[in-house]
All heavy atoms as atom14 arrays in JSON, in Angstrom:
{
  "sequence": "LSDGARAHLQTMRWPGNIRQLRNVIERAMILGEA",
  "atom14_mask": [
    [1, 1, 1, 1, 1, 1, 1, 1, 0, 0, 0, 0, 0, 0],
    [1, 1, 1, 1, 1, 1, 0, 0, 0, 0, 0, 0, 0, 0],
    [1, 1, 1, 1, 1, 1, 1, 1, 0, 0, 0, 0, 0, 0],
    [1, 1, 1, 1, 0, 0, 0, 0, 0, 0, 0, 0, 0, 0],
    [1, 1, 1, 1, 1, 0, 0, 0, 0, 0, 0, 0, 0, 0],
    [1, 1, 1, 1, 1, 1, 1, 1, 1, 1, 1, 0, 0, 0],
    [1, 1, 1, 1, 1, 0, 0, 0, 0, 0, 0, 0, 0, 0],
    [1, 1, 1, 1, 1, 1, 1, 1, 1, 1, 0, 0, 0, 0],
    [1, 1, 1, 1, 1, 1, 1, 1, 0, 0, 0, 0, 0, 0],
    [1, 1, 1, 1, 1, 1, 1, 1, 1, 0, 0, 0, 0, 0],
    [1, 1, 1, 1, 1, 1, 1, 0, 0, 0, 0, 0, 0, 0],
    [1, 1, 1, 1, 1, 1, 1, 1, 0, 0, 0, 0, 0, 0],
    [1, 1, 1, 1, 1, 1, 1, 1, 1, 1, 1, 0, 0, 0],
    [1, 1, 1, 1, 1, 1, 1, 1, 1, 1, 1, 1, 1, 1],
    [1, 1, 1, 1, 1, 1, 1, 0, 0, 0, 0, 0, 0, 0],
    [1, 1, 1, 1, 0, 0, 0, 0, 0, 0, 0, 0, 0, 0],
    [1, 1, 1, 1, 1, 1, 1, 1, 0, 0, 0, 0, 0, 0],
    [1, 1, 1, 1, 1, 1, 1, 1, 0, 0, 0, 0, 0, 0],
    [1, 1, 1, 1, 1, 1, 1, 1, 1, 1, 1, 0, 0, 0],
    [1, 1, 1, 1, 1, 1, 1, 1, 1, 0, 0, 0, 0, 0],
    [1, 1, 1, 1, 1, 1, 1, 1, 0, 0, 0, 0, 0, 0],
    [1, 1, 1, 1, 1, 1, 1, 1, 1, 1, 1, 0, 0, 0],
    [1, 1, 1, 1, 1, 1, 1, 1, 0, 0, 0, 0, 0, 0],
    [1, 1, 1, 1, 1, 1, 1, 0, 0, 0, 0, 0, 0, 0],
    [1, 1, 1, 1, 1, 1, 1, 1, 0, 0, 0, 0, 0, 0],
    [1, 1, 1, 1, 1, 1, 1, 1, 1, 0, 0, 0, 0, 0],
    [1, 1, 1, 1, 1, 1, 1, 1, 1, 1, 1, 0, 0, 0],
    [1, 1, 1, 1, 1, 0, 0, 0, 0, 0, 0, 0, 0, 0],
    [1, 1, 1, 1, 1, 1, 1, 1, 0, 0, 0, 0, 0, 0],
    [1, 1, 1, 1, 1, 1, 1, 1, 0, 0, 0, 0, 0, 0],
    [1, 1, 1, 1, 1, 1, 1, 1, 0, 0, 0, 0, 0, 0],
    [1, 1, 1, 1, 0, 0, 0, 0, 0, 0, 0, 0, 0, 0],
    [1, 1, 1, 1, 1, 1, 1, 1, 1, 0, 0, 0, 0, 0],
    [1, 1, 1, 1, 1, 0, 0, 0, 0, 0, 0, 0, 0, 0]
  ],
  "atom14_positions": [
    [[115.33, 148.64, 0.73], [116.28, 149.35, -0.13], [115.67, 149.5, -1.52], [115.24, 148.52, -2.13], [117.59, 148.57, -0.26], [118.71, 148.8, 0.73], [119.86, 147.84, 0.44], [119.21, 150.23, 0.71], [0.0, 0.0, 0.0], [0.0, 0.0, 0.0], [0.0, 0.0, 0.0], [0.0, 0.0, 0.0], [0.0, 0.0, 0.0], [0.0, 0.0, 0.0]],
    [[115.62, 150.73, -2.02], [115.16, 150.91, -3.39], [116.21, 150.39, -4.36], [117.38, 150.23, -4.01], [114.89, 152.39, -3.66], [116.11, 153.11, -3.71], [0.0, 0.0, 0.0], [0.0, 0.0, 0.0], [0.0, 0.0, 0.0], [0.0, 0.0, 0.0], [0.0, 0.0, 0.0], [0.0, 0.0, 0.0], [0.0, 0.0, 0.0], [0.0, 0.0, 0.0]],
    [[115.78, 150.12, -5.6], [116.74, 149.63, -6.6], [117.85, 150.65, -6.84], [119.01, 150.29, -7.0], [116.01, 149.34, -7.92], [115.08, 148.13, -7.8], [115.28, 147.34, -6.86], [114.17, 148.0, -8.64], [0.0, 0.0, 0.0], [0.0, 0.0, 0.0], [0.0, 0.0, 0.0], [0.0, 0.0, 0.0], [0.0, 0.0, 0.0], [0.0, 0.0, 0.0]],
    [[117.48, 151.92, -6.83], [118.49, 152.96, -7.04], [119.5, 153.0, -5.9], [120.7, 153.14, -6.12], [0.0, 0.0, 0.0], [0.0, 0.0, 0.0], [0.0, 0.0, 0.0], [0.0, 0.0, 0.0], [0.0, 0.0, 0.0], [0.0, 0.0, 0.0], [0.0, 0.0, 0.0], [0.0, 0.0, 0.0], [0.0, 0.0, 0.0], [0.0, 0.0, 0.0]],
    [[119.0, 152.88, -4.67], [119.9, 152.89, -3.51], [120.81, 151.67, -3.53], [121.99, 151.76, -3.19], [119.08, 152.93, -2.22], [0.0, 0.0, 0.0], [0.0, 0.0, 0.0], [0.0, 0.0, 0.0], [0.0, 0.0, 0.0], [0.0, 0.0, 0.0], [0.0, 0.0, 0.0], [0.0, 0.0, 0.0], [0.0, 0.0, 0.0], [0.0, 0.0, 0.0]],
    [[120.25, 150.53, -3.91], [121.05, 149.31, -3.99], [122.21, 149.48, -4.97], [123.36, 149.14, -4.66], [120.14, 148.15, -4.42], [120.77, 146.78, -4.38], [119.78, 145.76, -4.88], [118.57, 145.75, -4.05], [118.4, 144.95, -3.02], [119.33, 144.07, -2.71], [117.29, 145.0, -2.31], [0.0, 0.0, 0.0], [0.0, 0.0, 0.0], [0.0, 0.0, 0.0]],
    [[121.91, 150.02, -6.15], [122.96, 150.23, -7.15], [123.96, 151.29, -6.68], [125.17, 151.16, -6.89], [122.33, 150.65, -8.47], [0.0, 0.0, 0.0], [0.0, 0.0, 0.0], [0.0, 0.0, 0.0], [0.0, 0.0, 0.0], [0.0, 0.0, 0.0], [0.0, 0.0, 0.0], [0.0, 0.0, 0.0], [0.0, 0.0, 0.0], [0.0, 0.0, 0.0]],
    [[123.44, 152.33, -6.03], [124.31, 153.41, -5.55], [125.3, 152.9, -4.51], [126.49, 153.27, -4.54], [123.46, 154.54, -4.97], [124.25, 155.75, -4.57], [124.89, 156.56, -5.47], [124.51, 156.27, -3.33], [125.51, 157.54, -4.83], [125.3, 157.39, -3.53], [0.0, 0.0, 0.0], [0.0, 0.0, 0.0], [0.0, 0.0, 0.0], [0.0, 0.0, 0.0]],
    [[124.84, 152.04, -3.61], [125.74, 151.48, -2.59], [126.88, 150.72, -3.24], [128.02, 150.74, -2.75], [124.95, 150.55, -1.66], [124.02, 151.19, -0.63], [123.2, 150.12, 0.07], [124.82, 152.0, 0.39], [0.0, 0.0, 0.0], [0.0, 0.0, 0.0], [0.0, 0.0, 0.0], [0.0, 0.0, 0.0], [0.0, 0.0, 0.0], [0.0, 0.0, 0.0]],
    [[126.59, 150.04, -4.35], [127.62, 149.23, -4.99], [128.64, 150.06, -5.75], [129.71, 149.56, -6.09], [126.96, 148.22, -5.94], [126.21, 147.12, -5.21], [125.56, 146.16, -6.16], [124.61, 146.5, -6.86], [126.07, 144.94, -6.21], [0.0, 0.0, 0.0], [0.0, 0.0, 0.0], [0.0, 0.0, 0.0], [0.0, 0.0, 0.0], [0.0, 0.0, 0.0]],
    [[128.33, 151.31, -6.03], [129.27, 152.16, -6.77], [129.91, 153.22, -5.9], [130.75, 153.99, -6.37], [128.54, 152.83, -7.95], [127.41, 153.57, -7.47], [128.06, 151.79, -8.96], [0.0, 0.0, 0.0], [0.0, 0.0, 0.0], [0.0, 0.0, 0.0], [0.0, 0.0, 0.0], [0.0, 0.0, 0.0], [0.0, 0.0, 0.0], [0.0, 0.0, 0.0]],
    [[129.53, 153.29, -4.62], [130.14, 154.26, -3.71], [131.56, 153.85, -3.34], [131.94, 152.69, -3.47], [129.3, 154.37, -2.42], [127.98, 155.11, -2.57], [126.99, 155.08, -1.04], [128.06, 155.98, 0.1], [0.0, 0.0, 0.0], [0.0, 0.0, 0.0], [0.0, 0.0, 0.0], [0.0, 0.0, 0.0], [0.0, 0.0, 0.0], [0.0, 0.0, 0.0]],
    [[132.35, 154.8, -2.89], [133.68, 154.52, -2.35], [133.54, 154.18, -0.87], [132.81, 154.86, -0.14], [134.61, 155.73, -2.52], [134.84, 156.12, -3.96], [135.6, 155.04, -4.71], [135.88, 155.41, -6.08], [136.39, 154.58, -6.99], [136.65, 153.32, -6.64], [136.62, 154.97, -8.23], [0.0, 0.0, 0.0], [0.0, 0.0, 0.0], [0.0, 0.0, 0.0]],
    [[134.27, 153.18, -0.42], [134.14, 152.71, 0.95], [135.51, 152.63, 1.64], [136.02, 151.54, 1.9], [133.47, 151.34, 0.99], [132.08, 151.34, 0.46], [131.65, 150.88, -0.74], [130.91, 151.84, 1.13], [130.3, 151.06, -0.87], [129.82, 151.64, 0.27], [130.7, 152.42, 2.38], [128.52, 152.02, 0.6], [129.41, 152.79, 2.71], [128.34, 152.6, 1.84]],
    [[136.12, 153.78, 1.95], [137.42, 153.73, 2.64], [137.33, 153.1, 4.02], [138.3, 152.54, 4.53], [137.84, 155.21, 2.72], [136.56, 155.97, 2.57], [135.7, 155.16, 1.65], [0.0, 0.0, 0.0], [0.0, 0.0, 0.0], [0.0, 0.0, 0.0], [0.0, 0.0, 0.0], [0.0, 0.0, 0.0], [0.0, 0.0, 0.0], [0.0, 0.0, 0.0]],
    [[136.13, 153.17, 4.65], [135.93, 152.54, 5.96], [135.38, 151.15, 5.87], [135.11, 150.51, 6.9], [0.0, 0.0, 0.0], [0.0, 0.0, 0.0], [0.0, 0.0, 0.0], [0.0, 0.0, 0.0], [0.0, 0.0, 0.0], [0.0, 0.0, 0.0], [0.0, 0.0, 0.0], [0.0, 0.0, 0.0], [0.0, 0.0, 0.0], [0.0, 0.0, 0.0]],
    [[135.12, 150.67, 4.65], [134.69, 149.3, 4.38], [133.42, 148.91, 5.14], [132.48, 149.7, 5.21], [135.85, 148.34, 4.65], [136.96, 148.52, 3.64], [136.8, 148.14, 2.49], [138.06, 149.14, 4.04], [0.0, 0.0, 0.0], [0.0, 0.0, 0.0], [0.0, 0.0, 0.0], [0.0, 0.0, 0.0], [0.0, 0.0, 0.0], [0.0, 0.0, 0.0]],
    [[133.36, 147.7, 5.7], [132.14, 147.19, 6.29], [131.67, 148.07, 7.45], [130.47, 148.3, 7.63], [132.34, 145.73, 6.75], [132.57, 144.83, 5.53], [131.14, 145.23, 7.55], [132.91, 143.39, 5.87], [0.0, 0.0, 0.0], [0.0, 0.0, 0.0], [0.0, 0.0, 0.0], [0.0, 0.0, 0.0], [0.0, 0.0, 0.0], [0.0, 0.0, 0.0]],
    [[132.6, 148.58, 8.22], [132.23, 149.45, 9.34], [131.53, 150.71, 8.84], [130.53, 151.15, 9.4], [133.49, 149.82, 10.14], [133.22, 150.5, 11.46], [134.51, 150.82, 12.18], [135.29, 149.63, 12.44], [136.58, 149.49, 12.12], [137.22, 150.47, 11.51], [137.21, 148.37, 12.4], [0.0, 0.0, 0.0], [0.0, 0.0, 0.0], [0.0, 0.0, 0.0]],
    [[132.05, 151.28, 7.76], [131.44, 152.48, 7.18], [130.06, 152.16, 6.6], [129.12, 152.93, 6.76], [132.34, 153.05, 6.09], [131.79, 154.3, 5.43], [132.64, 154.75, 4.24], [133.66, 154.14, 3.93], [132.21, 155.81, 3.58], [0.0, 0.0, 0.0], [0.0, 0.0, 0.0], [0.0, 0.0, 0.0], [0.0, 0.0, 0.0], [0.0, 0.0, 0.0]],
    [[129.93, 151.01, 5.94], [128.64, 150.62, 5.38], [127.59, 150.51, 6.48], [126.46, 150.99, 6.31], [128.78, 149.28, 4.64], [127.48, 148.63, 4.15], [126.79, 149.54, 3.13], [127.77, 147.26, 3.54], [0.0, 0.0, 0.0], [0.0, 0.0, 0.0], [0.0, 0.0, 0.0], [0.0, 0.0, 0.0], [0.0, 0.0, 0.0], [0.0, 0.0, 0.0]],
    [[127.94, 149.91, 7.58], [126.98, 149.78, 8.69], [126.56, 151.15, 9.2], [125.38, 151.39, 9.49], [127.58, 148.96, 9.83], [126.57, 148.59, 10.9], [127.23, 147.86, 12.07], [126.26, 147.28, 12.98], [125.59, 147.95, 13.9], [125.79, 149.26, 14.03], [124.72, 147.34, 14.69], [0.0, 0.0, 0.0], [0.0, 0.0, 0.0], [0.0, 0.0, 0.0]],
    [[127.52, 152.08, 9.31], [127.2, 153.42, 9.78], [126.24, 154.14, 8.83], [125.31, 154.83, 9.27], [128.48, 154.25, 9.95], [129.34, 153.75, 11.09], [128.88, 153.01, 11.95], [130.6, 154.14, 11.11], [0.0, 0.0, 0.0], [0.0, 0.0, 0.0], [0.0, 0.0, 0.0], [0.0, 0.0, 0.0], [0.0, 0.0, 0.0], [0.0, 0.0, 0.0]],
    [[126.47, 153.98, 7.52], [125.61, 154.63, 6.52], [124.19, 154.09, 6.62], [123.21, 154.84, 6.59], [126.19, 154.41, 5.1], [125.17, 154.8, 4.04], [127.46, 155.23, 4.92], [0.0, 0.0, 0.0], [0.0, 0.0, 0.0], [0.0, 0.0, 0.0], [0.0, 0.0, 0.0], [0.0, 0.0, 0.0], [0.0, 0.0, 0.0], [0.0, 0.0, 0.0]],
    [[124.06, 152.77, 6.76], [122.73, 152.15, 6.88], [122.04, 152.59, 8.16], [120.84, 152.9, 8.18], [122.85, 150.62, 6.82], [123.35, 150.17, 5.44], [121.53, 149.96, 7.15], [122.45, 150.55, 4.29], [0.0, 0.0, 0.0], [0.0, 0.0, 0.0], [0.0, 0.0, 0.0], [0.0, 0.0, 0.0], [0.0, 0.0, 0.0], [0.0, 0.0, 0.0]],
    [[122.79, 152.64, 9.26], [122.2, 153.06, 10.54], [121.7, 154.49, 10.45], [120.6, 154.81, 10.92], [123.23, 152.91, 11.66], [122.67, 153.25, 13.03], [123.65, 152.96, 14.15], [124.8, 152.56, 13.86], [123.26, 153.13, 15.32], [0.0, 0.0, 0.0], [0.0, 0.0, 0.0], [0.0, 0.0, 0.0], [0.0, 0.0, 0.0], [0.0, 0.0, 0.0]],
    [[122.49, 155.38, 9.85], [122.06, 156.78, 9.71], [120.79, 156.88, 8.86], [119.86, 157.62, 9.2], [123.19, 157.61, 9.09], [122.83, 159.08, 8.94], [123.99, 159.91, 8.42], [124.38, 159.51, 7.09], [125.59, 159.02, 6.77], [126.51, 158.86, 7.69], [125.87, 158.69, 5.53], [0.0, 0.0, 0.0], [0.0, 0.0, 0.0], [0.0, 0.0, 0.0]],
    [[120.75, 156.11, 7.77], [119.57, 156.15, 6.89], [118.32, 155.66, 7.61], [117.23, 156.22, 7.43], [119.83, 155.31, 5.64], [0.0, 0.0, 0.0], [0.0, 0.0, 0.0], [0.0, 0.0, 0.0], [0.0, 0.0, 0.0], [0.0, 0.0, 0.0], [0.0, 0.0, 0.0], [0.0, 0.0, 0.0], [0.0, 0.0, 0.0], [0.0, 0.0, 0.0]],
    [[118.47, 154.64, 8.44], [117.31, 154.1, 9.16], [116.84, 155.05, 10.26], [115.65, 155.14, 10.56], [117.66, 152.73, 9.75], [117.85, 151.66, 8.69], [118.21, 150.04, 9.4], [116.62, 149.61, 10.12], [0.0, 0.0, 0.0], [0.0, 0.0, 0.0], [0.0, 0.0, 0.0], [0.0, 0.0, 0.0], [0.0, 0.0, 0.0], [0.0, 0.0, 0.0]],
    [[117.77, 155.78, 10.87], [117.41, 156.7, 11.96], [116.76, 157.96, 11.41], [115.73, 158.42, 11.92], [118.66, 157.05, 12.8], [119.14, 155.84, 13.59], [118.36, 158.21, 13.75], [120.45, 156.06, 14.31], [0.0, 0.0, 0.0], [0.0, 0.0, 0.0], [0.0, 0.0, 0.0], [0.0, 0.0, 0.0], [0.0, 0.0, 0.0], [0.0, 0.0, 0.0]],
    [[117.35, 158.54, 10.37], [116.9, 159.84, 9.88], [115.74, 159.75, 8.89], [115.02, 160.74, 8.69], [118.07, 160.58, 9.22], [119.26, 160.9, 10.13], [120.35, 161.62, 9.36], [118.81, 161.72, 11.33], [0.0, 0.0, 0.0], [0.0, 0.0, 0.0], [0.0, 0.0, 0.0], [0.0, 0.0, 0.0], [0.0, 0.0, 0.0], [0.0, 0.0, 0.0]],
    [[115.55, 158.61, 8.25], [114.51, 158.48, 7.25], [113.14, 158.26, 7.86], [112.97, 158.06, 9.07], [0.0, 0.0, 0.0], [0.0, 0.0, 0.0], [0.0, 0.0, 0.0], [0.0, 0.0, 0.0], [0.0, 0.0, 0.0], [0.0, 0.0, 0.0], [0.0, 0.0, 0.0], [0.0, 0.0, 0.0], [0.0, 0.0, 0.0], [0.0, 0.0, 0.0]],
    [[112.15, 158.29, 7.0], [110.77, 158.09, 7.43], [110.48, 156.61, 7.57], [110.72, 155.82, 6.65], [109.81, 158.72, 6.43], [108.36, 158.69, 6.87], [107.45, 159.42, 5.9], [107.97, 160.23, 5.1], [106.24, 159.17, 5.93], [0.0, 0.0, 0.0], [0.0, 0.0, 0.0], [0.0, 0.0, 0.0], [0.0, 0.0, 0.0], [0.0, 0.0, 0.0]],
    [[109.95, 156.19, 8.71], [109.71, 154.78, 8.97], [108.82, 154.17, 7.9], [107.78, 154.73, 7.54], [109.06, 154.61, 10.35], [0.0, 0.0, 0.0], [0.0, 0.0, 0.0], [0.0, 0.0, 0.0], [0.0, 0.0, 0.0], [0.0, 0.0, 0.0], [0.0, 0.0, 0.0], [0.0, 0.0, 0.0], [0.0, 0.0, 0.0], [0.0, 0.0, 0.0]]
  ]
}
């Protein structure tokens, strides 16, 4: 996680809470460059 991404995660809105956070991380790991 970059420092910017770390800070961004902490300021995002999370209506789906922990479940939504896991989905966001999974999507980033799948679509991003290894």
